[in-house]
Structures are given as structure tokens and as C-alpha cells.
PDB file of N, CA and C in Angstrom:
ATOM      1  N   MET A   1       0.846  -1.178   0.000  1.00  0.00           N
ATOM      2  CA  MET A   1       0.000   0.000   0.000  1.00  0.00           C
ATOM      3  C   MET A   1       0.892   1.243   0.000  1.00  0.00           C
ATOM      4  N   LYS A   2       0.558   2.180  -0.813  1.00  0.00           N
ATOM      5  CA  LYS A   2       1.339   3.410  -0.903  1.00  0.00           C
ATOM      6  C   LYS A   2       0.975   4.339   0.254  1.00  0.00           C
ATOM      7  N   PRO A   3       1.939   5.144   0.703  1.00  0.00           N
ATOM      8  CA  PRO A   3       1.650   6.039   1.830  1.00  0.00           C
ATOM      9  C   PRO A   3       0.628   7.111   1.459  1.00  0.00           C
ATOM     10  N   PHE A   4      -0.012   7.626   2.474  1.00  0.00           N
ATOM     11  CA  PHE A   4      -0.987   8.695   2.280  1.00  0.00           C
ATOM     12  C   PHE A   4      -0.528   9.924   3.043  1.00  0.00           C
ATOM     13  N   PHE A   5      -1.140  11.046   2.705  1.00  0.00           N
ATOM     14  CA  PHE A   5      -0.835  12.315   3.351  1.00  0.00           C
ATOM     15  C   PHE A   5      -2.126  12.917   3.860  1.00  0.00           C
ATOM     16  N   SER A   6      -2.119  13.359   5.107  1.00  0.00           N
ATOM     17  CA  SER A   6      -3.302  14.028   5.648  1.00  0.00           C
ATOM     18  C   SER A   6      -3.402  15.423   5.044  1.00  0.00           C
ATOM     19  N   ARG A   7      -4.569  16.025   5.150  1.00  0.00           N
ATOM     20  CA  ARG A   7      -4.754  17.395   4.659  1.00  0.00           C
ATOM     21  C   ARG A   7      -3.779  18.348   5.356  1.00  0.00           C
ATOM     22  N   LEU A   8      -3.646  18.186   6.654  1.00  0.00           N
ATOM     23  CA  LEU A   8      -2.769  19.069   7.422  1.00  0.00           C
ATOM     24  C   LEU A   8      -1.305  18.899   7.005  1.00  0.00           C
ATOM     25  N   GLU A   9      -0.877  17.669   6.749  1.00  0.00           N
ATOM     26  CA  GLU A   9       0.500  17.445   6.283  1.00  0.00           C
ATOM     27  C   GLU A   9       0.749  18.157   4.961  1.00  0.00           C
ATOM     28  N   LEU A  10      -0.199  18.052   4.038  1.00  0.00           N
ATOM     29  CA  LEU A  10      -0.046  18.710   2.740  1.00  0.00           C
ATOM     30  C   LEU A  10      -0.009  20.226   2.894  1.00  0.00           C
ATOM     31  N   LEU A  11      -0.899  20.770   3.711  1.00  0.00           N
ATOM     32  CA  LEU A  11      -0.919  22.222   3.925  1.00  0.00           C
ATOM     33  C   LEU A  11       0.367  22.707   4.589  1.00  0.00           C
ATOM     34  N   ASN A  12       0.862  21.965   5.567  1.00  0.00           N
ATOM     35  CA  ASN A  12       2.115  22.349   6.222  1.00  0.00           C
ATOM     36  C   ASN A  12       3.271  22.338   5.233  1.00  0.00           C
ATOM     37  N   TYR A  13       3.284  21.355   4.347  1.00  0.00           N
ATOM     38  CA  TYR A  13       4.350  21.281   3.349  1.00  0.00           C
ATOM     39  C   TYR A  13       4.250  22.437   2.358  1.00  0.00           C
ATOM     40  N   LEU A  14       3.037  22.731   1.916  1.00  0.00           N
ATOM     41  CA  LEU A  14       2.847  23.755   0.894  1.00  0.00           C
ATOM     42  C   LEU A  14       2.900  25.178   1.440  1.00  0.00           C
ATOM     43  N   GLN A  15       2.364  25.391   2.646  1.00  0.00           N
ATOM     44  CA  GLN A  15       2.239  26.753   3.157  1.00  0.00           C
ATOM     45  C   GLN A  15       2.993  26.993   4.458  1.00  0.00           C
ATOM     46  N   GLY A  16       3.647  25.999   4.972  1.00  0.00           N
ATOM     47  CA  GLY A  16       4.415  26.160   6.201  1.00  0.00           C
ATOM     48  C   GLY A  16       3.593  25.859   7.441  1.00  0.00           C
ATOM     49  N   SER A  17       4.284  25.639   8.532  1.00  0.00           N
ATOM     50  CA  SER A  17       3.610  25.258   9.774  1.00  0.00           C
ATOM     51  C   SER A  17       2.831  26.403  10.405  1.00  0.00           C
ATOM     52  N   ALA A  18       3.030  27.612   9.924  1.00  0.00           N
ATOM     53  CA  ALA A  18       2.310  28.768  10.462  1.00  0.00           C
ATOM     54  C   ALA A  18       0.954  28.952   9.789  1.00  0.00           C
ATOM     55  N   PHE A  19       0.514  27.957   9.016  1.00  0.00           N
ATOM     56  CA  PHE A  19      -0.760  28.052   8.301  1.00  0.00           C
ATOM     57  C   PHE A  19      -1.906  28.303   9.272  1.00  0.00           C
ATOM     58  N   LYS A  20      -2.717  29.289   8.941  1.00  0.00           N
ATOM     59  CA  LYS A  20      -3.929  29.590   9.709  1.00  0.00           C
ATOM     60  C   LYS A  20      -5.089  29.556   8.729  1.00  0.00           C
ATOM     61  N   GLY A  21      -5.991  28.636   8.923  1.00  0.00           N
ATOM     62  CA  GLY A  21      -7.123  28.503   8.019  1.00  0.00           C
ATOM     63  C   GLY A  21      -7.774  27.146   8.203  1.00  0.00           C
ATOM     64  N   TYR A  22      -8.427  26.681   7.167  1.00  0.00           N
ATOM     65  CA  TYR A  22      -9.162  25.434   7.219  1.00  0.00           C
ATOM     66  C   TYR A  22      -8.416  24.328   6.488  1.00  0.00           C
ATOM     67  N   GLU A  23      -8.343  23.148   7.125  1.00  0.00           N
ATOM     68  CA  GLU A  23      -7.711  22.003   6.478  1.00  0.00           C
ATOM     69  C   GLU A  23      -8.410  21.645   5.175  1.00  0.00           C
ATOM     70  N   ARG A  24      -9.696  21.889   5.100  1.00  0.00           N
ATOM     71  CA  ARG A  24     -10.461  21.508   3.905  1.00  0.00           C
ATOM     72  C   ARG A  24     -10.088  22.346   2.681  1.00  0.00           C
ATOM     73  N   ASN A  25      -9.315  23.425   2.862  1.00  0.00           N
ATOM     74  CA  ASN A  25      -8.860  24.220   1.715  1.00  0.00           C
ATOM     75  C   ASN A  25      -8.076  23.368   0.734  1.00  0.00           C
ATOM     76  N   ILE A  26      -7.382  22.345   1.251  1.00  0.00           N
ATOM     77  CA  ILE A  26      -6.581  21.493   0.366  1.00  0.00           C
ATOM     78  C   ILE A  26      -7.472  20.751  -0.626  1.00  0.00           C
ATOM     79  N   ASP A  27      -8.725  20.490  -0.258  1.00  0.00           N
ATOM     80  CA  ASP A  27      -9.645  19.794  -1.163  1.00  0.00           C
ATOM     81  C   ASP A  27      -9.853  20.581  -2.456  1.00  0.00           C
ATOM     82  N   VAL A  28      -9.935  21.887  -2.347  1.00  0.00           N
ATOM     83  CA  VAL A  28     -10.105  22.740  -3.530  1.00  0.00           C
ATOM     84  C   VAL A  28      -8.864  22.662  -4.407  1.00  0.00           C
ATOM     85  N   HIS A  29      -7.701  22.691  -3.777  1.00  0.00           N
ATOM     86  CA  HIS A  29      -6.457  22.607  -4.543  1.00  0.00           C
ATOM     87  C   HIS A  29      -6.329  21.249  -5.242  1.00  0.00           C
ATOM     88  N   ILE A  30      -6.695  20.186  -4.546  1.00  0.00           N
ATOM     89  CA  ILE A  30      -6.647  18.848  -5.146  1.00  0.00           C
ATOM     90  C   ILE A  30      -7.619  18.763  -6.313  1.00  0.00           C
ATOM     91  N   ARG A  31      -8.822  19.308  -6.153  1.00  0.00           N
ATOM     92  CA  ARG A  31      -9.798  19.298  -7.251  1.00  0.00           C
ATOM     93  C   ARG A  31      -9.250  20.039  -8.471  1.00  0.00           C
ATOM     94  N   ASN A  32      -8.634  21.203  -8.256  1.00  0.00           N
ATOM     95  CA  ASN A  32      -8.058  21.963  -9.369  1.00  0.00           C
ATOM     96  C   ASN A  32      -6.901  21.213 -10.016  1.00  0.00           C
ATOM     97  N   LEU A  33      -6.078  20.579  -9.207  1.00  0.00           N
ATOM     98  CA  LEU A  33      -4.963  19.797  -9.735  1.00  0.00           C
ATOM     99  C   LEU A  33      -5.467  18.610 -10.550  1.00  0.00           C
ATOM    100  N   ARG A  34      -6.480  17.929 -10.034  1.00  0.00           N
ATOM    101  CA  ARG A  34      -7.066  16.809 -10.785  1.00  0.00           C
ATOM    102  C   ARG A  34      -7.623  17.264 -12.124  1.00  0.00           C
ATOM    103  N   ALA A  35      -8.248  18.438 -12.158  1.00  0.00           N
ATOM    104  CA  ALA A  35      -8.809  18.961 -13.413  1.00  0.00           C
ATOM    105  C   ALA A  35      -7.715  19.165 -14.453  1.00  0.00           C
ATOM    106  N   LYS A  36      -6.502  19.429 -13.999  1.00  0.00           N
ATOM    107  CA  LYS A  36      -5.388  19.671 -14.926  1.00  0.00           C
ATOM    108  C   LYS A  36      -4.672  18.398 -15.353  1.00  0.00           C
ATOM    109  N   ILE A  37      -4.544  17.414 -14.457  1.00  0.00           N
ATOM    110  CA  ILE A  37      -3.695  16.265 -14.777  1.00  0.00           C
ATOM    111  C   ILE A  37      -4.428  14.954 -15.024  1.00  0.00           C
ATOM    112  N   GLU A  38      -5.636  14.829 -14.523  1.00  0.00           N
ATOM    113  CA  GLU A  38      -6.350  13.558 -14.642  1.00  0.00           C
ATOM    114  C   GLU A  38      -7.038  13.431 -15.999  1.00  0.00           C
ATOM    115  N   PRO A  39      -6.954  12.248 -16.622  1.00  0.00           N
ATOM    116  CA  PRO A  39      -7.708  12.028 -17.859  1.00  0.00           C
ATOM    117  C   PRO A  39      -9.221  12.172 -17.629  1.00  0.00           C
ATOM    118  N   ASN A  40      -9.694  11.699 -16.463  1.00  0.00           N
ATOM    119  CA  ASN A  40     -11.101  11.795 -16.091  1.00  0.00           C
ATOM    120  C   ASN A  40     -11.155  12.248 -14.624  1.00  0.00           C
ATOM    121  N   PRO A  41     -11.245  13.554 -14.372  1.00  0.00           N
ATOM    122  CA  PRO A  41     -11.194  14.057 -12.991  1.00  0.00           C
ATOM    123  C   PRO A  41     -12.272  13.493 -12.061  1.00  0.00           C
ATOM    124  N   SER A  42     -13.406  13.072 -12.599  1.00  0.00           N
ATOM    125  CA  SER A  42     -14.449  12.519 -11.731  1.00  0.00           C
ATOM    126  C   SER A  42     -14.147  11.072 -11.332  1.00  0.00           C
ATOM    127  N   ASN A  43     -13.174  10.461 -11.977  1.00  0.00           N
ATOM    128  CA  ASN A  43     -12.715   9.119 -11.618  1.00  0.00           C
ATOM    129  C   ASN A  43     -11.183   9.154 -11.585  1.00  0.00           C
ATOM    130  N   PRO A  44     -10.601   9.787 -10.568  1.00  0.00           N
ATOM    131  CA  PRO A  44      -9.164  10.050 -10.557  1.00  0.00           C
ATOM    132  C   PRO A  44      -8.315   8.781 -10.508  1.00  0.00           C
ATOM    133  N   SER A  45      -7.209   8.835 -11.227  1.00  0.00           N
ATOM    134  CA  SER A  45      -6.289   7.699 -11.221  1.00  0.00           C
ATOM    135  C   SER A  45      -4.914   8.061 -10.667  1.00  0.00           C
ATOM    136  N   TYR A  46      -4.592   9.341 -10.538  1.00  0.00           N
ATOM    137  CA  TYR A  46      -3.283   9.764 -10.041  1.00  0.00           C
ATOM    138  C   TYR A  46      -3.312  10.193  -8.577  1.00  0.00           C
ATOM    139  N   ILE A  47      -4.376  10.868  -8.173  1.00  0.00           N
ATOM    140  CA  ILE A  47      -4.511  11.324  -6.784  1.00  0.00           C
ATOM    141  C   ILE A  47      -5.778  10.689  -6.224  1.00  0.00           C
ATOM    142  N   GLU A  48      -5.592   9.776  -5.293  1.00  0.00           N
ATOM    143  CA  GLU A  48      -6.701   9.011  -4.731  1.00  0.00           C
ATOM    144  C   GLU A  48      -7.083   9.591  -3.371  1.00  0.00           C
ATOM    145  N   THR A  49      -8.360   9.689  -3.106  1.00  0.00           N
ATOM    146  CA  THR A  49      -8.841  10.142  -1.802  1.00  0.00           C
ATOM    147  C   THR A  49      -8.850   8.966  -0.837  1.00  0.00           C
ATOM    148  N   VAL A  50      -8.260   9.145   0.328  1.00  0.00           N
ATOM    149  CA  VAL A  50      -8.331   8.166   1.407  1.00  0.00           C
ATOM    150  C   VAL A  50      -9.335   8.748   2.391  1.00  0.00           C
ATOM    151  N   TYR A  51     -10.563   8.274   2.316  1.00  0.00           N
ATOM    152  CA  TYR A  51     -11.653   8.874   3.077  1.00  0.00           C
ATOM    153  C   TYR A  51     -11.354   8.921   4.571  1.00  0.00           C
ATOM    154  N   GLY A  52     -11.583  10.101   5.138  1.00  0.00           N
ATOM    155  CA  GLY A  52     -11.360  10.321   6.556  1.00  0.00           C
ATOM    156  C   GLY A  52      -9.903  10.546   6.931  1.00  0.00           C
ATOM    157  N   VAL A  53      -9.004  10.482   5.934  1.00  0.00           N
ATOM    158  CA  VAL A  53      -7.578  10.606   6.221  1.00  0.00           C
ATOM    159  C   VAL A  53      -6.932  11.710   5.406  1.00  0.00           C
ATOM    160  N   GLY A  54      -7.019  11.621   4.083  1.00  0.00           N
ATOM    161  CA  GLY A  54      -6.362  12.601   3.216  1.00  0.00           C
ATOM    162  C   GLY A  54      -6.255  12.089   1.798  1.00  0.00           C
ATOM    163  N   TYR A  55      -5.038  12.094   1.251  1.00  0.00           N
ATOM    164  CA  TYR A  55      -4.833  11.736  -0.151  1.00  0.00           C
ATOM    165  C   TYR A  55      -3.623  10.837  -0.306  1.00  0.00           C
ATOM    166  N   ARG A  56      -3.674  10.035  -1.386  1.00  0.00           N
ATOM    167  CA  ARG A  56      -2.571   9.155  -1.735  1.00  0.00           C
ATOM    168  C   ARG A  56      -2.252   9.385  -3.204  1.00  0.00           C
ATOM    169  N   PHE A  57      -0.971   9.504  -3.518  1.00  0.00           N
ATOM    170  CA  PHE A  57      -0.542   9.634  -4.903  1.00  0.00           C
ATOM    171  C   PHE A  57      -0.276   8.230  -5.419  1.00  0.00           C
ATOM    172  N   THR A  58      -0.939   7.850  -6.502  1.00  0.00           N
ATOM    173  CA  THR A  58      -0.934   6.455  -6.936  1.00  0.00           C
ATOM    174  C   THR A  58       0.117   6.131  -7.979  1.00  0.00           C
ATOM    175  N   THR A  59       0.904   7.101  -8.408  1.00  0.00           N
ATOM    176  CA  THR A  59       1.949   6.846  -9.395  1.00  0.00           C
ATOM    177  C   THR A  59       3.276   7.378  -8.884  1.00  0.00           C
ATOM    178  N   GLN A  60       4.333   6.849  -9.429  1.00  0.00           N
ATOM    179  CA  GLN A  60       5.667   7.336  -9.121  1.00  0.00           C
ATOM    180  C   GLN A  60       5.941   8.593  -9.926  1.00  0.00           C
ATOM    181  N   ILE A  61       6.532   9.569  -9.310  1.00  0.00           N
ATOM    182  CA  ILE A  61       6.963  10.764 -10.030  1.00  0.00           C
ATOM    183  C   ILE A  61       8.346  10.462 -10.579  1.00  0.00           C
ATOM    184  N   THR A  62       8.474  10.537 -11.889  1.00  0.00           N
ATOM    185  CA  THR A  62       9.746  10.178 -12.507  1.00  0.00           C
ATOM    186  C   THR A  62      10.542  11.385 -12.974  1.00  0.00           C
ATOM    187  N   LYS A  63       9.898  12.525 -13.115  1.00  0.00           N
ATOM    188  CA  LYS A  63      10.581  13.712 -13.588  1.00  0.00           C
ATOM    189  C   LYS A  63       9.957  14.934 -12.933  1.00  0.00           C
ATOM    190  N   GLU A  64      10.794  15.812 -12.445  1.00  0.00           N
ATOM    191  CA  GLU A  64      10.300  17.043 -11.844  1.00  0.00           C
ATOM    192  C   GLU A  64      10.091  18.074 -12.944  1.00  0.00           C
ATOM    193  N   ILE A  65       8.923  18.671 -12.962  1.00  0.00           N
ATOM    194  CA  ILE A  65       8.587  19.685 -13.961  1.00  0.00           C
ATOM    195  C   ILE A  65       8.618  21.045 -13.293  1.00  0.00           C
ATOM    196  N   ARG A  66       9.278  21.988 -13.919  1.00  0.00           N
ATOM    197  CA  ARG A  66       9.341  23.347 -13.362  1.00  0.00           C
ATOM    198  C   ARG A  66       8.787  24.316 -14.343  1.00  0.00           C
TER     199      ARG A  66
END
């Protein structure tokens, strides 16, 4: 099983530990990211939701894009 990341872990990584706001904000970012990278965003294959926990990335990242 691949590791998962909680919403708070993702927010801390992206915005720092001083983040003040709602953990659910990450859901909007994930939805926008899925709209850009998923072949079918309503049936995601790259970013999987782990209900009650957070998200799991289902593929290996092989190249960093900048």
C-alpha cells in the first residue's frame, strides 16, 4: 500500500507550519490539480482520496517539472 498524506501534512508542506485557516482548503487545490492532470477528474487515477484521512498519490513521479 502506498503512503498517504493528511490534509494538514499537505498544507504544512505547501504553506508552512504557520498556516492559519481550514484544512479543507486542500480539497479545492486537489480538485483543481485533478482537473489539470487527470484524464477523467471525476474518476481520478493519479490522486486518490483516502476517506477520513487525506490523499494518496498512486503513481511514481519520474521527472520534476518546473
